């Protein structure tokens, strides 16, 4: 089972902002700051979870929940732990969390070049419904808009 057998999840707190921002910086071309995550941890619309191995944060995912919809803001796993199924378990835990808050639909944007993420989201029933042209400011790449309206 490897690392996934020791993986635990819990809600993100403001004290987690440094560790989450560190994973974010390793994962994205335009990362959010520590302060962004500190604010998200206290945002009533936000639902963020962290994944830990031996009490060390190794992954996080978050969404905003409004009425019956969840909009995924971010999903990331420590680069050296990718490819072990942690992202799949993490995304499943995020879906459980947003469903608990009443979400019956989930949406997100993803780079078309991020085939691993697209496969992950498709495995949870999300489907591409369109594109946002030039969405990513770092390189002008489009974003695929993905939805699952039957959580």
N, C-alpha and C. Protein backbone atom coordinates (compact mmCIF):
# COMPACT_ATOMS: atom_id res chain seq x y z
N UNK A 1 0.81 -1.19 0.00
CA UNK A 1 0.00 0.00 0.00
C UNK A 1 0.85 1.25 0.00
N UNK A 2 2.05 1.22 0.49
CA UNK A 2 2.93 2.38 0.45
C UNK A 2 2.44 3.53 1.31
N UNK A 3 2.70 4.75 0.80
CA UNK A 3 2.38 5.96 1.55
C UNK A 3 0.88 6.12 1.79
N UNK A 4 0.04 5.65 0.88
CA UNK A 4 -1.39 5.87 1.04
C UNK A 4 -1.95 5.19 2.28
N UNK A 5 -1.32 4.15 2.76
CA UNK A 5 -1.83 3.46 3.95
C UNK A 5 -1.65 4.31 5.21
N UNK A 6 -0.76 5.29 5.17
CA UNK A 6 -0.54 6.15 6.33
C UNK A 6 -1.18 7.52 6.16
N UNK A 7 -1.93 7.71 5.09
CA UNK A 7 -2.51 9.00 4.75
C UNK A 7 -3.76 9.26 5.58
N UNK A 8 -3.83 10.44 6.20
CA UNK A 8 -5.01 10.86 6.94
C UNK A 8 -5.43 12.24 6.43
N UNK A 9 -6.70 12.59 6.66
CA UNK A 9 -7.23 13.86 6.20
C UNK A 9 -7.90 14.60 7.33
N UNK A 10 -7.88 15.93 7.21
CA UNK A 10 -8.57 16.78 8.18
C UNK A 10 -8.83 18.14 7.52
N UNK A 11 -9.72 18.93 8.11
CA UNK A 11 -9.94 20.28 7.57
C UNK A 11 -8.69 21.13 7.72
N UNK A 12 -8.45 21.99 6.75
CA UNK A 12 -7.33 22.93 6.81
C UNK A 12 -7.63 24.01 7.84
N UNK A 13 -6.60 24.39 8.60
CA UNK A 13 -6.72 25.51 9.54
C UNK A 13 -5.75 26.62 9.11
N UNK A 14 -5.88 27.76 9.72
CA UNK A 14 -4.98 28.87 9.41
C UNK A 14 -3.53 28.51 9.71
N UNK A 15 -3.31 27.66 10.69
CA UNK A 15 -1.95 27.24 11.04
C UNK A 15 -1.29 26.42 9.92
N UNK A 16 -2.08 25.93 8.98
CA UNK A 16 -1.56 25.12 7.87
C UNK A 16 -1.10 25.95 6.68
N UNK A 17 -1.30 27.26 6.73
CA UNK A 17 -1.06 28.12 5.56
C UNK A 17 0.36 28.00 5.02
N UNK A 18 1.36 27.97 5.88
CA UNK A 18 2.75 27.87 5.41
C UNK A 18 2.99 26.58 4.64
N UNK A 19 2.58 25.45 5.20
CA UNK A 19 2.83 24.16 4.57
C UNK A 19 2.07 24.03 3.25
N UNK A 20 0.84 24.50 3.22
CA UNK A 20 0.03 24.42 2.00
C UNK A 20 0.62 25.33 0.92
N UNK A 21 1.03 26.54 1.30
CA UNK A 21 1.64 27.46 0.33
C UNK A 21 2.93 26.89 -0.23
N UNK A 22 3.65 26.13 0.56
CA UNK A 22 4.89 25.50 0.09
C UNK A 22 4.60 24.47 -1.01
N UNK A 23 3.58 23.64 -0.81
CA UNK A 23 3.18 22.66 -1.83
C UNK A 23 2.67 23.40 -3.07
N UNK A 24 1.89 24.44 -2.86
CA UNK A 24 1.36 25.26 -3.95
C UNK A 24 2.48 25.80 -4.82
N UNK A 25 3.53 26.35 -4.18
CA UNK A 25 4.65 26.95 -4.92
C UNK A 25 5.39 25.91 -5.77
N UNK A 26 5.43 24.67 -5.29
CA UNK A 26 6.09 23.60 -6.04
C UNK A 26 5.21 23.06 -7.17
N UNK A 27 3.92 23.39 -7.15
CA UNK A 27 2.96 22.75 -8.03
C UNK A 27 2.43 23.62 -9.16
N UNK A 28 2.45 24.94 -8.99
CA UNK A 28 1.77 25.80 -9.95
C UNK A 28 2.65 26.96 -10.40
N UNK A 29 2.49 27.35 -11.66
CA UNK A 29 3.26 28.46 -12.24
C UNK A 29 2.88 29.80 -11.61
N UNK A 30 1.64 29.93 -11.18
CA UNK A 30 1.17 31.17 -10.56
C UNK A 30 0.59 30.84 -9.19
N UNK A 31 1.45 30.53 -8.22
CA UNK A 31 0.97 30.04 -6.92
C UNK A 31 0.30 31.11 -6.06
N UNK A 32 -0.64 30.64 -5.25
CA UNK A 32 -1.23 31.48 -4.21
C UNK A 32 -0.20 31.65 -3.11
N UNK A 33 -0.35 32.68 -2.33
CA UNK A 33 0.57 32.97 -1.22
C UNK A 33 0.08 32.33 0.07
N UNK A 34 0.93 32.37 1.06
CA UNK A 34 0.58 31.91 2.40
C UNK A 34 -0.64 32.67 2.90
N UNK A 35 -0.66 33.99 2.65
CA UNK A 35 -1.77 34.83 3.11
C UNK A 35 -3.09 34.42 2.43
N UNK A 36 -3.00 34.05 1.16
CA UNK A 36 -4.20 33.59 0.46
C UNK A 36 -4.80 32.38 1.17
N UNK A 37 -3.96 31.42 1.54
CA UNK A 37 -4.46 30.22 2.21
C UNK A 37 -4.90 30.52 3.64
N UNK A 38 -4.25 31.46 4.29
CA UNK A 38 -4.66 31.86 5.62
C UNK A 38 -6.08 32.42 5.57
N UNK A 39 -6.37 33.25 4.56
CA UNK A 39 -7.72 33.80 4.39
C UNK A 39 -8.72 32.70 4.02
N UNK A 40 -8.33 31.79 3.14
CA UNK A 40 -9.23 30.71 2.73
C UNK A 40 -9.64 29.85 3.91
N UNK A 41 -8.73 29.63 4.86
CA UNK A 41 -9.02 28.77 6.01
C UNK A 41 -10.16 29.34 6.86
N UNK A 42 -10.38 30.64 6.80
CA UNK A 42 -11.46 31.22 7.60
C UNK A 42 -12.65 31.68 6.76
N UNK A 43 -12.59 31.46 5.44
CA UNK A 43 -13.66 31.83 4.54
C UNK A 43 -14.83 30.86 4.71
N UNK A 44 -16.01 31.36 5.02
CA UNK A 44 -17.16 30.50 5.27
C UNK A 44 -17.59 29.71 4.03
N UNK A 45 -17.32 30.23 2.84
CA UNK A 45 -17.68 29.52 1.62
C UNK A 45 -16.68 28.44 1.26
N UNK A 46 -15.50 28.50 1.83
CA UNK A 46 -14.42 27.59 1.45
C UNK A 46 -14.45 26.28 2.23
N UNK A 47 -14.13 25.22 1.54
CA UNK A 47 -13.99 23.88 2.14
C UNK A 47 -12.63 23.35 1.69
N UNK A 48 -11.64 23.41 2.59
CA UNK A 48 -10.30 22.94 2.28
C UNK A 48 -9.95 21.79 3.20
N UNK A 49 -9.28 20.80 2.64
CA UNK A 49 -8.79 19.69 3.44
C UNK A 49 -7.30 19.51 3.16
N UNK A 50 -6.61 18.97 4.15
CA UNK A 50 -5.20 18.62 3.97
C UNK A 50 -5.04 17.13 4.18
N UNK A 51 -4.08 16.57 3.44
CA UNK A 51 -3.70 15.18 3.61
C UNK A 51 -2.36 15.14 4.32
N UNK A 52 -2.25 14.28 5.32
CA UNK A 52 -1.02 14.18 6.11
C UNK A 52 -0.50 12.75 6.12
N UNK A 53 0.81 12.65 6.16
CA UNK A 53 1.49 11.39 6.43
C UNK A 53 2.41 11.66 7.60
N UNK A 54 2.21 10.91 8.66
CA UNK A 54 3.00 11.11 9.89
C UNK A 54 2.97 12.58 10.34
N UNK A 55 1.76 13.17 10.31
CA UNK A 55 1.50 14.55 10.78
C UNK A 55 2.16 15.63 9.92
N UNK A 56 2.68 15.27 8.75
CA UNK A 56 3.26 16.25 7.82
C UNK A 56 2.30 16.42 6.64
N UNK A 57 1.95 17.66 6.34
CA UNK A 57 1.04 17.93 5.24
C UNK A 57 1.74 17.61 3.92
N UNK A 58 1.10 16.75 3.13
CA UNK A 58 1.67 16.32 1.85
C UNK A 58 0.75 16.61 0.68
N UNK A 59 -0.47 17.07 0.98
CA UNK A 59 -1.44 17.34 -0.08
C UNK A 59 -2.54 18.23 0.47
N UNK A 60 -3.22 18.91 -0.43
CA UNK A 60 -4.38 19.70 -0.02
C UNK A 60 -5.31 19.86 -1.20
N UNK A 61 -6.55 20.14 -0.91
CA UNK A 61 -7.55 20.41 -1.94
C UNK A 61 -8.58 21.34 -1.34
N UNK A 62 -9.14 22.20 -2.18
CA UNK A 62 -10.14 23.12 -1.69
C UNK A 62 -11.14 23.52 -2.74
N UNK A 63 -12.31 23.89 -2.26
CA UNK A 63 -13.39 24.34 -3.13
C UNK A 63 -14.21 25.39 -2.39
N UNK A 64 -14.88 26.20 -3.16
CA UNK A 64 -15.89 27.10 -2.61
C UNK A 64 -17.24 26.45 -2.82
N UNK A 65 -18.06 26.46 -1.80
CA UNK A 65 -19.38 25.87 -1.88
C UNK A 65 -20.41 26.99 -1.74
N UNK A 66 -21.24 27.11 -2.76
CA UNK A 66 -22.29 28.12 -2.77
C UNK A 66 -23.57 27.45 -3.24
N UNK A 67 -24.59 27.50 -2.40
CA UNK A 67 -25.85 26.82 -2.66
C UNK A 67 -25.55 25.35 -2.90
N UNK A 68 -25.87 24.80 -4.06
CA UNK A 68 -25.63 23.37 -4.27
C UNK A 68 -24.43 23.10 -5.18
N UNK A 69 -23.60 24.12 -5.40
CA UNK A 69 -22.45 23.97 -6.29
C UNK A 69 -21.12 24.12 -5.56
N UNK A 70 -20.16 23.32 -5.96
CA UNK A 70 -18.80 23.46 -5.45
C UNK A 70 -17.90 23.80 -6.62
N UNK A 71 -17.08 24.82 -6.45
CA UNK A 71 -16.10 25.18 -7.47
C UNK A 71 -14.71 24.91 -6.91
N UNK A 72 -14.02 23.95 -7.51
CA UNK A 72 -12.71 23.55 -7.03
C UNK A 72 -11.72 24.68 -7.30
N UNK A 73 -11.01 25.07 -6.26
CA UNK A 73 -10.01 26.13 -6.37
C UNK A 73 -8.62 25.54 -6.63
N UNK A 74 -8.31 24.44 -5.93
CA UNK A 74 -6.96 23.89 -6.05
C UNK A 74 -6.91 22.46 -5.53
N UNK A 75 -6.05 21.68 -6.16
CA UNK A 75 -5.76 20.30 -5.75
C UNK A 75 -4.27 20.11 -5.99
N UNK A 76 -3.52 19.72 -4.96
CA UNK A 76 -2.08 19.54 -5.15
C UNK A 76 -1.53 18.49 -4.19
N UNK A 77 -0.52 17.79 -4.69
CA UNK A 77 0.19 16.76 -3.92
C UNK A 77 1.68 17.09 -4.01
N UNK A 78 2.40 16.87 -2.93
CA UNK A 78 3.86 17.04 -2.94
C UNK A 78 4.43 16.36 -4.18
N UNK A 79 5.27 17.05 -4.94
CA UNK A 79 5.78 16.47 -6.18
C UNK A 79 6.43 15.09 -6.03
N UNK A 80 7.18 14.87 -4.96
CA UNK A 80 7.86 13.58 -4.81
C UNK A 80 6.93 12.44 -4.42
N UNK A 81 5.64 12.74 -4.17
CA UNK A 81 4.67 11.70 -3.81
C UNK A 81 3.61 11.48 -4.89
N UNK A 82 3.74 12.16 -5.99
CA UNK A 82 2.76 12.02 -7.06
C UNK A 82 2.88 10.64 -7.71
N UNK A 83 1.77 10.19 -8.30
CA UNK A 83 1.75 8.91 -8.99
C UNK A 83 1.52 7.72 -8.07
N UNK A 84 1.17 7.99 -6.81
CA UNK A 84 0.95 6.91 -5.85
C UNK A 84 -0.51 6.77 -5.44
N UNK A 85 -1.40 7.55 -6.09
CA UNK A 85 -2.82 7.47 -5.77
C UNK A 85 -3.29 8.46 -4.72
N UNK A 86 -2.39 9.28 -4.20
CA UNK A 86 -2.76 10.24 -3.17
C UNK A 86 -3.76 11.26 -3.71
N UNK A 87 -3.56 11.74 -4.94
CA UNK A 87 -4.46 12.71 -5.53
C UNK A 87 -5.87 12.17 -5.69
N UNK A 88 -5.97 10.91 -6.06
CA UNK A 88 -7.29 10.28 -6.22
C UNK A 88 -8.01 10.21 -4.88
N UNK A 89 -7.31 9.77 -3.85
CA UNK A 89 -7.92 9.68 -2.52
C UNK A 89 -8.29 11.08 -2.03
N UNK A 90 -7.40 12.04 -2.23
CA UNK A 90 -7.62 13.43 -1.82
C UNK A 90 -8.86 14.00 -2.49
N UNK A 91 -8.99 13.83 -3.81
CA UNK A 91 -10.13 14.39 -4.52
C UNK A 91 -11.42 13.73 -4.06
N UNK A 92 -11.38 12.44 -3.78
CA UNK A 92 -12.55 11.76 -3.23
C UNK A 92 -12.96 12.32 -1.88
N UNK A 93 -11.97 12.62 -1.05
CA UNK A 93 -12.25 13.22 0.26
C UNK A 93 -12.85 14.63 0.11
N UNK A 94 -12.35 15.39 -0.88
CA UNK A 94 -12.90 16.73 -1.12
C UNK A 94 -14.36 16.61 -1.55
N UNK A 95 -14.66 15.67 -2.43
CA UNK A 95 -16.04 15.49 -2.87
C UNK A 95 -16.94 15.13 -1.69
N UNK A 96 -16.48 14.25 -0.81
CA UNK A 96 -17.26 13.92 0.40
C UNK A 96 -17.53 15.17 1.21
N UNK A 97 -16.50 16.00 1.38
CA UNK A 97 -16.63 17.21 2.20
C UNK A 97 -17.63 18.20 1.61
N UNK A 98 -17.59 18.41 0.28
CA UNK A 98 -18.51 19.38 -0.32
C UNK A 98 -19.93 18.82 -0.35
N UNK A 99 -20.08 17.51 -0.50
CA UNK A 99 -21.41 16.91 -0.45
C UNK A 99 -22.02 17.08 0.94
N UNK A 100 -21.20 16.98 1.98
CA UNK A 100 -21.68 17.19 3.33
C UNK A 100 -22.23 18.61 3.50
N UNK A 101 -21.67 19.55 2.75
CA UNK A 101 -22.12 20.94 2.80
C UNK A 101 -23.27 21.21 1.83
N UNK A 102 -23.79 20.17 1.17
CA UNK A 102 -24.97 20.32 0.33
C UNK A 102 -24.71 20.41 -1.15
N UNK A 103 -23.46 20.29 -1.59
CA UNK A 103 -23.16 20.38 -3.02
C UNK A 103 -23.68 19.14 -3.74
N UNK A 104 -24.33 19.38 -4.87
CA UNK A 104 -24.79 18.29 -5.74
C UNK A 104 -24.14 18.38 -7.12
N UNK A 105 -23.32 19.42 -7.31
CA UNK A 105 -22.60 19.61 -8.57
C UNK A 105 -21.22 20.16 -8.25
N UNK A 106 -20.25 19.84 -9.12
CA UNK A 106 -18.88 20.31 -8.91
C UNK A 106 -18.30 20.75 -10.25
N UNK A 107 -17.54 21.84 -10.22
CA UNK A 107 -16.92 22.36 -11.43
C UNK A 107 -15.49 22.77 -11.15
N UNK A 108 -14.70 22.87 -12.21
CA UNK A 108 -13.32 23.33 -12.09
C UNK A 108 -12.79 23.70 -13.46
N UNK A 109 -11.67 24.40 -13.47
CA UNK A 109 -10.91 24.66 -14.69
C UNK A 109 -9.60 23.91 -14.59
N UNK A 110 -9.12 23.41 -15.72
CA UNK A 110 -7.86 22.67 -15.76
C UNK A 110 -7.17 22.94 -17.09
N UNK A 111 -5.85 22.95 -17.05
CA UNK A 111 -5.09 23.12 -18.29
C UNK A 111 -5.28 21.89 -19.19
N UNK A 112 -5.55 22.09 -20.48
CA UNK A 112 -5.66 20.94 -21.39
C UNK A 112 -4.38 20.10 -21.42
N UNK A 113 -3.24 20.72 -21.12
CA UNK A 113 -1.96 19.99 -21.12
C UNK A 113 -1.78 19.12 -19.88
N UNK A 114 -2.63 19.28 -18.86
CA UNK A 114 -2.51 18.52 -17.62
C UNK A 114 -3.34 17.23 -17.72
N UNK A 115 -2.85 16.31 -18.53
CA UNK A 115 -3.61 15.10 -18.81
C UNK A 115 -3.82 14.23 -17.57
N UNK A 116 -2.87 14.21 -16.65
CA UNK A 116 -3.04 13.41 -15.43
C UNK A 116 -4.22 13.94 -14.62
N UNK A 117 -4.31 15.26 -14.49
CA UNK A 117 -5.42 15.85 -13.73
C UNK A 117 -6.75 15.59 -14.45
N UNK A 118 -6.77 15.73 -15.75
CA UNK A 118 -8.00 15.50 -16.51
C UNK A 118 -8.48 14.07 -16.30
N UNK A 119 -7.57 13.10 -16.37
CA UNK A 119 -7.95 11.70 -16.13
C UNK A 119 -8.51 11.52 -14.72
N UNK A 120 -7.88 12.16 -13.74
CA UNK A 120 -8.37 12.07 -12.36
C UNK A 120 -9.80 12.60 -12.28
N UNK A 121 -10.03 13.80 -12.82
CA UNK A 121 -11.36 14.40 -12.73
C UNK A 121 -12.40 13.59 -13.49
N UNK A 122 -12.02 13.06 -14.64
CA UNK A 122 -12.94 12.21 -15.39
C UNK A 122 -13.32 10.96 -14.60
N UNK A 123 -12.39 10.43 -13.82
CA UNK A 123 -12.68 9.24 -13.02
C UNK A 123 -13.73 9.51 -11.95
N UNK A 124 -13.96 10.79 -11.64
CA UNK A 124 -14.99 11.19 -10.69
C UNK A 124 -16.23 11.75 -11.40
N UNK A 125 -16.34 11.48 -12.69
CA UNK A 125 -17.54 11.84 -13.43
C UNK A 125 -17.56 13.24 -14.00
N UNK A 126 -16.47 14.01 -13.88
CA UNK A 126 -16.45 15.33 -14.49
C UNK A 126 -16.22 15.18 -15.99
N UNK A 127 -16.87 16.05 -16.76
CA UNK A 127 -16.73 16.04 -18.21
C UNK A 127 -16.46 17.46 -18.69
N UNK A 128 -15.68 17.58 -19.74
CA UNK A 128 -15.39 18.88 -20.33
C UNK A 128 -16.64 19.41 -21.01
N UNK A 129 -16.99 20.67 -20.69
CA UNK A 129 -18.18 21.28 -21.28
C UNK A 129 -17.84 22.55 -22.05
N UNK A 130 -16.57 22.91 -22.10
CA UNK A 130 -16.18 24.11 -22.83
C UNK A 130 -14.77 24.54 -22.50
N UNK A 131 -14.40 25.71 -23.02
CA UNK A 131 -13.06 26.25 -22.81
C UNK A 131 -13.14 27.72 -22.43
N UNK A 132 -12.19 28.15 -21.64
CA UNK A 132 -11.98 29.57 -21.37
C UNK A 132 -10.70 29.92 -22.11
N UNK A 133 -10.83 30.70 -23.16
CA UNK A 133 -9.69 31.09 -24.00
C UNK A 133 -8.69 31.94 -23.21
N UNK A 134 -7.41 31.60 -23.31
CA UNK A 134 -6.34 32.38 -22.69
C UNK A 134 -6.46 32.54 -21.19
N UNK A 135 -7.05 31.58 -20.52
CA UNK A 135 -7.35 31.66 -19.09
C UNK A 135 -6.09 31.78 -18.22
N UNK A 136 -5.06 31.03 -18.55
CA UNK A 136 -3.86 31.02 -17.73
C UNK A 136 -2.92 32.14 -18.16
N UNK A 137 -2.71 33.08 -17.25
CA UNK A 137 -1.95 34.30 -17.56
C UNK A 137 -0.46 34.05 -17.78
N UNK A 138 0.08 32.97 -17.20
CA UNK A 138 1.52 32.74 -17.33
C UNK A 138 1.93 32.39 -18.75
N UNK A 139 1.03 31.70 -19.49
CA UNK A 139 1.41 31.32 -20.86
C UNK A 139 0.26 31.45 -21.86
N UNK A 140 -0.87 31.96 -21.42
CA UNK A 140 -2.01 32.16 -22.31
C UNK A 140 -2.76 30.89 -22.68
N UNK A 141 -2.44 29.77 -22.01
CA UNK A 141 -3.12 28.52 -22.31
C UNK A 141 -4.60 28.63 -21.95
N UNK A 142 -5.44 27.96 -22.75
CA UNK A 142 -6.86 27.88 -22.45
C UNK A 142 -7.06 27.04 -21.19
N UNK A 143 -8.27 27.09 -20.66
CA UNK A 143 -8.67 26.20 -19.58
C UNK A 143 -9.86 25.38 -20.06
N UNK A 144 -9.83 24.09 -19.76
CA UNK A 144 -11.02 23.27 -19.97
C UNK A 144 -11.94 23.52 -18.78
N UNK A 145 -13.21 23.68 -19.04
CA UNK A 145 -14.22 23.79 -17.98
C UNK A 145 -14.81 22.40 -17.82
N UNK A 146 -14.74 21.87 -16.63
CA UNK A 146 -15.25 20.52 -16.37
C UNK A 146 -16.35 20.59 -15.33
N UNK A 147 -17.37 19.74 -15.48
CA UNK A 147 -18.51 19.70 -14.58
C UNK A 147 -18.90 18.26 -14.28
N UNK A 148 -19.45 18.07 -13.09
CA UNK A 148 -20.23 16.88 -12.76
C UNK A 148 -21.45 17.42 -12.03
N UNK A 149 -22.62 17.24 -12.60
CA UNK A 149 -23.84 17.78 -12.01
C UNK A 149 -24.63 16.73 -11.24
N UNK A 150 -24.02 15.57 -11.01
CA UNK A 150 -24.73 14.48 -10.32
C UNK A 150 -23.87 13.88 -9.22
N UNK A 151 -23.44 14.71 -8.28
CA UNK A 151 -22.62 14.19 -7.18
C UNK A 151 -23.44 13.26 -6.30
